[in-house]
PDB file of all heavy atoms in Angstrom:
ATOM      1  N   ARG A   1       2.886  64.453 -85.618  1.00  0.00           N
ATOM      2  CA  ARG A   1       1.769  63.521 -85.289  1.00  0.00           C
ATOM      3  C   ARG A   1       0.670  64.339 -84.490  1.00  0.00           C
ATOM      4  O   ARG A   1      -0.528  64.089 -84.721  1.00  0.00           O
ATOM      5  CB  ARG A   1       2.262  62.368 -84.467  1.00  0.00           C
ATOM      6  CG  ARG A   1       2.921  61.344 -85.264  1.00  0.00           C
ATOM      7  CD  ARG A   1       3.133  60.029 -84.527  1.00  0.00           C
ATOM      8  NE  ARG A   1       4.215  59.364 -85.161  1.00  0.00           N
ATOM      9  CZ  ARG A   1       5.344  59.058 -84.622  1.00  0.00           C
ATOM     10  NH1 ARG A   1       5.555  59.360 -83.318  1.00  0.00           N
ATOM     11  NH2 ARG A   1       6.321  58.479 -85.250  1.00  0.00           N
ATOM     12  N   ALA A   2       1.101  65.176 -83.608  1.00  0.00           N
ATOM     13  CA  ALA A   2       0.131  65.957 -82.865  1.00  0.00           C
ATOM     14  C   ALA A   2      -0.635  66.890 -83.760  1.00  0.00           C
ATOM     15  O   ALA A   2      -1.867  67.024 -83.655  1.00  0.00           O
ATOM     16  CB  ALA A   2       0.830  66.848 -81.777  1.00  0.00           C
ATOM     17  N   TYR A   3       0.015  67.424 -84.777  1.00  0.00           N
ATOM     18  CA  TYR A   3      -0.649  68.266 -85.746  1.00  0.00           C
ATOM     19  C   TYR A   3      -1.638  67.469 -86.535  1.00  0.00           C
ATOM     20  O   TYR A   3      -2.797  67.857 -86.754  1.00  0.00           O
ATOM     21  CB  TYR A   3       0.398  68.934 -86.712  1.00  0.00           C
ATOM     22  CG  TYR A   3      -0.220  69.745 -87.785  1.00  0.00           C
ATOM     23  CD1 TYR A   3      -0.704  70.977 -87.571  1.00  0.00           C
ATOM     24  CD2 TYR A   3      -0.290  69.204 -89.056  1.00  0.00           C
ATOM     25  CE1 TYR A   3      -1.297  71.707 -88.572  1.00  0.00           C
ATOM     26  CE2 TYR A   3      -0.854  69.940 -90.133  1.00  0.00           C
ATOM     27  CZ  TYR A   3      -1.368  71.196 -89.906  1.00  0.00           C
ATOM     28  OH  TYR A   3      -1.928  71.912 -90.864  1.00  0.00           O
ATOM     29  N   GLN A   4      -1.264  66.239 -86.959  1.00  0.00           N
ATOM     30  CA  GLN A   4      -2.123  65.408 -87.708  1.00  0.00           C
ATOM     31  C   GLN A   4      -3.381  64.988 -86.853  1.00  0.00           C
ATOM     32  O   GLN A   4      -4.449  64.946 -87.365  1.00  0.00           O
ATOM     33  CB  GLN A   4      -1.395  64.146 -88.136  1.00  0.00           C
ATOM     34  CG  GLN A   4      -0.370  64.357 -89.235  1.00  0.00           C
ATOM     35  CD  GLN A   4       0.459  63.168 -89.506  1.00  0.00           C
ATOM     36  OE1 GLN A   4       0.632  62.152 -88.704  1.00  0.00           O
ATOM     37  NE2 GLN A   4       1.075  63.130 -90.762  1.00  0.00           N
ATOM     38  N   ARG A   5      -3.171  64.727 -85.583  1.00  0.00           N
ATOM     39  CA  ARG A   5      -4.318  64.374 -84.694  1.00  0.00           C
ATOM     40  C   ARG A   5      -5.216  65.561 -84.567  1.00  0.00           C
ATOM     41  O   ARG A   5      -6.462  65.424 -84.577  1.00  0.00           O
ATOM     42  CB  ARG A   5      -3.781  63.893 -83.358  1.00  0.00           C
ATOM     43  CG  ARG A   5      -3.269  62.487 -83.307  1.00  0.00           C
ATOM     44  CD  ARG A   5      -3.090  61.971 -81.879  1.00  0.00           C
ATOM     45  NE  ARG A   5      -2.098  62.741 -81.176  1.00  0.00           N
ATOM     46  CZ  ARG A   5      -0.763  62.440 -81.159  1.00  0.00           C
ATOM     47  NH1 ARG A   5      -0.333  61.430 -81.790  1.00  0.00           N
ATOM     48  NH2 ARG A   5       0.065  63.190 -80.428  1.00  0.00           N
ATOM     49  N   ARG A   6      -4.660  66.752 -84.431  1.00  0.00           N
ATOM     50  CA  ARG A   6      -5.483  67.968 -84.333  1.00  0.00           C
ATOM     51  C   ARG A   6      -6.262  68.180 -85.586  1.00  0.00           C
ATOM     52  O   ARG A   6      -7.498  68.512 -85.605  1.00  0.00           O
ATOM     53  CB  ARG A   6      -4.685  69.212 -84.034  1.00  0.00           C
ATOM     54  CG  ARG A   6      -4.238  69.314 -82.626  1.00  0.00           C
ATOM     55  CD  ARG A   6      -3.676  70.731 -82.292  1.00  0.00           C
ATOM     56  NE  ARG A   6      -2.638  71.151 -83.157  1.00  0.00           N
ATOM     57  CZ  ARG A   6      -1.316  70.892 -83.017  1.00  0.00           C
ATOM     58  NH1 ARG A   6      -0.909  70.177 -81.933  1.00  0.00           N
ATOM     59  NH2 ARG A   6      -0.430  71.347 -83.819  1.00  0.00           N
ATOM     60  N   GLN A   7      -5.673  67.914 -86.784  1.00  0.00           N
ATOM     61  CA  GLN A   7      -6.309  68.077 -88.067  1.00  0.00           C
ATOM     62  C   GLN A   7      -7.448  67.042 -88.205  1.00  0.00           C
ATOM     63  O   GLN A   7      -8.531  67.273 -88.653  1.00  0.00           O
ATOM     64  CB  GLN A   7      -5.380  67.956 -89.177  1.00  0.00           C
ATOM     65  CG  GLN A   7      -4.421  69.100 -89.339  1.00  0.00           C
ATOM     66  CD  GLN A   7      -5.155  70.422 -89.528  1.00  0.00           C
ATOM     67  OE1 GLN A   7      -5.235  71.217 -88.587  1.00  0.00           O
ATOM     68  NE2 GLN A   7      -5.677  70.656 -90.715  1.00  0.00           N
ATOM     69  N   LEU A   8      -7.188  65.844 -87.758  1.00  0.00           N
ATOM     70  CA  LEU A   8      -8.107  64.707 -87.793  1.00  0.00           C
ATOM     71  C   LEU A   8      -9.330  65.098 -86.907  1.00  0.00           C
ATOM     72  O   LEU A   8     -10.470  64.891 -87.338  1.00  0.00           O
ATOM     73  CB  LEU A   8      -7.538  63.393 -87.392  1.00  0.00           C
ATOM     74  CG  LEU A   8      -8.417  62.188 -87.398  1.00  0.00           C
ATOM     75  CD1 LEU A   8      -8.938  61.892 -88.772  1.00  0.00           C
ATOM     76  CD2 LEU A   8      -7.629  60.989 -86.883  1.00  0.00           C
ATOM     77  N   ALA A   9      -9.054  65.513 -85.672  1.00  0.00           N
ATOM     78  CA  ALA A   9     -10.103  65.896 -84.794  1.00  0.00           C
ATOM     79  C   ALA A   9     -10.954  67.049 -85.396  1.00  0.00           C
ATOM     80  O   ALA A   9     -12.170  67.092 -85.262  1.00  0.00           O
ATOM     81  CB  ALA A   9      -9.532  66.290 -83.422  1.00  0.00           C
ATOM     82  N   ALA A  10     -10.287  68.029 -85.985  1.00  0.00           N
ATOM     83  CA  ALA A  10     -10.998  69.119 -86.586  1.00  0.00           C
ATOM     84  C   ALA A  10     -11.879  68.630 -87.741  1.00  0.00           C
ATOM     85  O   ALA A  10     -13.054  69.113 -87.871  1.00  0.00           O
ATOM     86  CB  ALA A  10     -10.034  70.134 -87.137  1.00  0.00           C
ATOM     87  N   SER A  11     -11.421  67.624 -88.489  1.00  0.00           N
ATOM     88  CA  SER A  11     -12.194  67.082 -89.590  1.00  0.00           C
ATOM     89  C   SER A  11     -13.421  66.361 -89.056  1.00  0.00           C
ATOM     90  O   SER A  11     -14.538  66.529 -89.587  1.00  0.00           O
ATOM     91  CB  SER A  11     -11.358  66.091 -90.450  1.00  0.00           C
ATOM     92  OG  SER A  11     -10.315  66.756 -91.098  1.00  0.00           O
ATOM     93  N   VAL A  12     -13.211  65.671 -87.955  1.00  0.00           N
ATOM     94  CA  VAL A  12     -14.371  64.910 -87.355  1.00  0.00           C
ATOM     95  C   VAL A  12     -15.424  65.968 -86.796  1.00  0.00           C
ATOM     96  O   VAL A  12     -16.607  65.811 -87.014  1.00  0.00           O
ATOM     97  CB  VAL A  12     -13.920  63.936 -86.228  1.00  0.00           C
ATOM     98  CG1 VAL A  12     -15.108  63.396 -85.410  1.00  0.00           C
ATOM     99  CG2 VAL A  12     -13.069  62.834 -86.832  1.00  0.00           C
ATOM    100  N   ARG A  13     -14.907  66.952 -86.067  1.00  0.00           N
ATOM    101  CA  ARG A  13     -15.796  68.006 -85.572  1.00  0.00           C
ATOM    102  C   ARG A  13     -16.554  68.672 -86.703  1.00  0.00           C
ATOM    103  O   ARG A  13     -17.757  68.995 -86.593  1.00  0.00           O
ATOM    104  CB  ARG A  13     -15.013  69.073 -84.770  1.00  0.00           C
ATOM    105  CG  ARG A  13     -14.739  68.665 -83.324  1.00  0.00           C
ATOM    106  CD  ARG A  13     -14.245  69.877 -82.505  1.00  0.00           C
ATOM    107  NE  ARG A  13     -13.140  70.569 -83.046  1.00  0.00           N
ATOM    108  CZ  ARG A  13     -11.856  70.207 -82.900  1.00  0.00           C
ATOM    109  NH1 ARG A  13     -11.524  69.153 -82.113  1.00  0.00           N
ATOM    110  NH2 ARG A  13     -10.878  70.880 -83.412  1.00  0.00           N
ATOM    111  N   GLN A  14     -15.835  68.968 -87.796  1.00  0.00           N
ATOM    112  CA  GLN A  14     -16.430  69.642 -88.981  1.00  0.00           C
ATOM    113  C   GLN A  14     -17.563  68.719 -89.504  1.00  0.00           C
ATOM    114  O   GLN A  14     -18.671  69.173 -89.815  1.00  0.00           O
ATOM    115  CB  GLN A  14     -15.435  69.925 -90.000  1.00  0.00           C
ATOM    116  CG  GLN A  14     -15.985  70.480 -91.275  1.00  0.00           C
ATOM    117  CD  GLN A  14     -16.576  71.914 -91.186  1.00  0.00           C
ATOM    118  OE1 GLN A  14     -16.215  72.603 -90.225  1.00  0.00           O
ATOM    119  NE2 GLN A  14     -17.480  72.279 -92.028  1.00  0.00           N
ATOM    120  N   ALA A  15     -17.305  67.466 -89.681  1.00  0.00           N
ATOM    121  CA  ALA A  15     -18.259  66.466 -90.117  1.00  0.00           C
ATOM    122  C   ALA A  15     -19.485  66.405 -89.276  1.00  0.00           C
ATOM    123  O   ALA A  15     -20.626  66.364 -89.732  1.00  0.00           O
ATOM    124  CB  ALA A  15     -17.633  65.077 -90.361  1.00  0.00           C
ATOM    125  N   ILE A  16     -19.239  66.393 -87.930  1.00  0.00           N
ATOM    126  CA  ILE A  16     -20.368  66.357 -86.969  1.00  0.00           C
ATOM    127  C   ILE A  16     -21.210  67.640 -87.102  1.00  0.00           C
ATOM    128  O   ILE A  16     -22.444  67.599 -87.088  1.00  0.00           O
ATOM    129  CB  ILE A  16     -19.838  66.133 -85.586  1.00  0.00           C
ATOM    130  CG1 ILE A  16     -19.326  64.679 -85.422  1.00  0.00           C
ATOM    131  CG2 ILE A  16     -20.927  66.388 -84.527  1.00  0.00           C
ATOM    132  CD1 ILE A  16     -18.600  64.412 -84.092  1.00  0.00           C
ATOM    133  N   SER A  17     -20.547  68.762 -87.308  1.00  0.00           N
ATOM    134  CA  SER A  17     -21.274  70.039 -87.404  1.00  0.00           C
ATOM    135  C   SER A  17     -22.113  70.112 -88.604  1.00  0.00           C
ATOM    136  O   SER A  17     -23.045  70.876 -88.670  1.00  0.00           O
ATOM    137  CB  SER A  17     -20.291  71.239 -87.258  1.00  0.00           C
ATOM    138  OG  SER A  17     -19.578  71.337 -88.487  1.00  0.00           O
ATOM    139  N   GLN A  18     -21.802  69.294 -89.658  1.00  0.00           N
ATOM    140  CA  GLN A  18     -22.612  69.293 -90.816  1.00  0.00           C
ATOM    141  C   GLN A  18     -23.775  68.431 -90.768  1.00  0.00           C
ATOM    142  O   GLN A  18     -24.666  68.423 -91.642  1.00  0.00           O
ATOM    143  CB  GLN A  18     -21.748  68.853 -92.021  1.00  0.00           C
ATOM    144  CG  GLN A  18     -20.703  69.906 -92.357  1.00  0.00           C
ATOM    145  CD  GLN A  18     -19.648  69.404 -93.406  1.00  0.00           C
ATOM    146  OE1 GLN A  18     -19.701  68.218 -93.822  1.00  0.00           O
ATOM    147  NE2 GLN A  18     -18.761  70.244 -93.804  1.00  0.00           N
ATOM    148  N   LEU A  19     -23.917  67.614 -89.784  1.00  0.00           N
ATOM    149  CA  LEU A  19     -25.133  66.760 -89.575  1.00  0.00           C
ATOM    150  C   LEU A  19     -26.283  67.685 -89.162  1.00  0.00           C
ATOM    151  O   LEU A  19     -26.144  68.717 -88.534  1.00  0.00           O
ATOM    152  CB  LEU A  19     -24.899  65.732 -88.466  1.00  0.00           C
ATOM    153  CG  LEU A  19     -23.859  64.665 -88.687  1.00  0.00           C
ATOM    154  CD1 LEU A  19     -23.698  63.834 -87.422  1.00  0.00           C
ATOM    155  CD2 LEU A  19     -24.213  63.734 -89.862  1.00  0.00           C
ATOM    156  N   SER A  20     -27.486  67.242 -89.571  1.00  0.00           N
ATOM    157  CA  SER A  20     -28.697  67.968 -89.053  1.00  0.00           C
ATOM    158  C   SER A  20     -28.726  67.890 -87.540  1.00  0.00           C
ATOM    159  O   SER A  20     -28.218  66.901 -86.947  1.00  0.00           O
ATOM    160  CB  SER A  20     -29.929  67.365 -89.655  1.00  0.00           C
ATOM    161  OG  SER A  20     -30.157  66.089 -89.107  1.00  0.00           O
ATOM    162  N   PRO A  21     -29.354  68.864 -86.884  1.00  0.00           N
ATOM    163  CA  PRO A  21     -29.454  68.874 -85.436  1.00  0.00           C
ATOM    164  C   PRO A  21     -30.067  67.566 -84.917  1.00  0.00           C
ATOM    165  O   PRO A  21     -29.716  67.037 -83.871  1.00  0.00           O
ATOM    166  CB  PRO A  21     -30.266  70.124 -85.095  1.00  0.00           C
ATOM    167  CG  PRO A  21     -30.022  70.993 -86.268  1.00  0.00           C
ATOM    168  CD  PRO A  21     -29.838  70.149 -87.449  1.00  0.00           C
ATOM    169  N   LYS A  22     -31.007  67.032 -85.629  1.00  0.00           N
ATOM    170  CA  LYS A  22     -31.751  65.788 -85.169  1.00  0.00           C
ATOM    171  C   LYS A  22     -30.789  64.600 -85.183  1.00  0.00           C
ATOM    172  O   LYS A  22     -30.936  63.689 -84.361  1.00  0.00           O
ATOM    173  CB  LYS A  22     -32.892  65.461 -86.146  1.00  0.00           C
ATOM    174  CG  LYS A  22     -34.085  66.306 -85.865  1.00  0.00           C
ATOM    175  CD  LYS A  22     -35.256  65.817 -86.680  1.00  0.00           C
ATOM    176  CE  LYS A  22     -36.482  66.672 -86.286  1.00  0.00           C
ATOM    177  NZ  LYS A  22     -37.677  66.155 -86.777  1.00  0.00           N
ATOM    178  N   LEU A  23     -29.733  64.573 -85.987  1.00  0.00           N
ATOM    179  CA  LEU A  23     -28.735  63.530 -85.948  1.00  0.00           C
ATOM    180  C   LEU A  23     -27.518  63.917 -85.063  1.00  0.00           C
ATOM    181  O   LEU A  23     -26.911  63.057 -84.454  1.00  0.00           O
ATOM    182  CB  LEU A  23     -28.152  63.224 -87.367  1.00  0.00           C
ATOM    183  CG  LEU A  23     -29.269  62.772 -88.397  1.00  0.00           C
ATOM    184  CD1 LEU A  23     -28.631  62.492 -89.710  1.00  0.00           C
ATOM    185  CD2 LEU A  23     -30.046  61.588 -87.816  1.00  0.00           C
ATOM    186  N   ARG A  24     -27.201  65.190 -85.046  1.00  0.00           N
ATOM    187  CA  ARG A  24     -26.044  65.671 -84.298  1.00  0.00           C
ATOM    188  C   ARG A  24     -26.213  65.507 -82.812  1.00  0.00           C
ATOM    189  O   ARG A  24     -25.348  65.027 -82.106  1.00  0.00           O
ATOM    190  CB  ARG A  24     -25.757  67.135 -84.614  1.00  0.00           C
ATOM    191  CG  ARG A  24     -24.425  67.652 -84.079  1.00  0.00           C
ATOM    192  CD  ARG A  24     -24.151  69.064 -84.477  1.00  0.00           C
ATOM    193  NE  ARG A  24     -24.796  69.492 -85.699  1.00  0.00           N
ATOM    194  CZ  ARG A  24     -25.190  70.695 -85.924  1.00  0.00           C
ATOM    195  NH1 ARG A  24     -24.967  71.686 -85.078  1.00  0.00           N
ATOM    196  NH2 ARG A  24     -25.801  71.001 -87.052  1.00  0.00           N
ATOM    197  N   LEU A  25     -27.380  65.943 -82.291  1.00  0.00           N
ATOM    198  CA  LEU A  25     -27.579  65.820 -80.812  1.00  0.00           C
ATOM    199  C   LEU A  25     -27.517  64.402 -80.233  1.00  0.00           C
ATOM    200  O   LEU A  25     -26.787  64.220 -79.237  1.00  0.00           O
ATOM    201  CB  LEU A  25     -28.939  66.455 -80.416  1.00  0.00           C
ATOM    202  CG  LEU A  25     -28.890  67.995 -80.474  1.00  0.00           C
ATOM    203  CD1 LEU A  25     -30.259  68.557 -80.380  1.00  0.00           C
ATOM    204  CD2 LEU A  25     -28.036  68.437 -79.366  1.00  0.00           C
ATOM    205  N   PRO A  26     -28.072  63.356 -80.833  1.00  0.00           N
ATOM    206  CA  PRO A  26     -27.862  62.036 -80.341  1.00  0.00           C
ATOM    207  C   PRO A  26     -26.454  61.605 -80.373  1.00  0.00           C
ATOM    208  O   PRO A  26     -25.932  60.910 -79.430  1.00  0.00           O
ATOM    209  CB  PRO A  26     -28.763  61.131 -81.277  1.00  0.00           C
ATOM    210  CG  PRO A  26     -29.745  62.050 -81.852  1.00  0.00           C
ATOM    211  CD  PRO A  26     -29.073  63.388 -81.949  1.00  0.00           C
ATOM    212  N   ILE A  27     -25.714  61.901 -81.407  1.00  0.00           N
ATOM    213  CA  ILE A  27     -24.279  61.549 -81.520  1.00  0.00           C
ATOM    214  C   ILE A  27     -23.524  62.227 -80.358  1.00  0.00           C
ATOM    215  O   ILE A  27     -22.751  61.593 -79.699  1.00  0.00           O
ATOM    216  CB  ILE A  27     -23.668  62.022 -82.852  1.00  0.00           C
ATOM    217  CG1 ILE A  27     -24.262  61.253 -84.020  1.00  0.00           C
ATOM    218  CG2 ILE A  27     -22.171  61.983 -82.876  1.00  0.00           C
ATOM    219  CD1 ILE A  27     -23.767  59.865 -84.251  1.00  0.00           C
ATOM    220  N   LEU A  28     -23.773  63.470 -80.077  1.00  0.00           N
ATOM    221  CA  LEU A  28     -22.998  64.193 -79.006  1.00  0.00           C
ATOM    222  C   LEU A  28     -23.441  63.681 -77.646  1.00  0.00           C
ATOM    223  O   LEU A  28     -22.544  63.489 -76.793  1.00  0.00           O
ATOM    224  CB  LEU A  28     -23.314  65.670 -79.096  1.00  0.00           C
ATOM    225  CG  LEU A  28     -22.840  66.418 -80.337  1.00  0.00           C
ATOM    226  CD1 LEU A  28     -23.254  67.851 -80.345  1.00  0.00           C
ATOM    227  CD2 LEU A  28     -21.344  66.292 -80.417  1.00  0.00           C
ATOM    228  N   LEU A  29     -24.721  63.446 -77.435  1.00  0.00           N
ATOM    229  CA  LEU A  29     -25.126  62.888 -76.103  1.00  0.00           C
ATOM    230  C   LEU A  29     -24.575  61.519 -75.876  1.00  0.00           C
ATOM    231  O   LEU A  29     -24.196  61.114 -74.767  1.00  0.00           O
ATOM    232  CB  LEU A  29     -26.674  62.934 -76.018  1.00  0.00           C
ATOM    233  CG  LEU A  29     -27.251  64.306 -75.962  1.00  0.00           C
ATOM    234  CD1 LEU A  29     -28.823  64.197 -76.031  1.00  0.00           C
ATOM    235  CD2 LEU A  29     -26.829  65.117 -74.714  1.00  0.00           C
TER     236      LEU A  29
END
């Protein structure tokens, strides 16, 4: 389960990193 959560978190981080900076920065803030 911990591995699955890490993989899920990595997928979310990857998806966020693919957003344009104009969309990524408001999401992060």
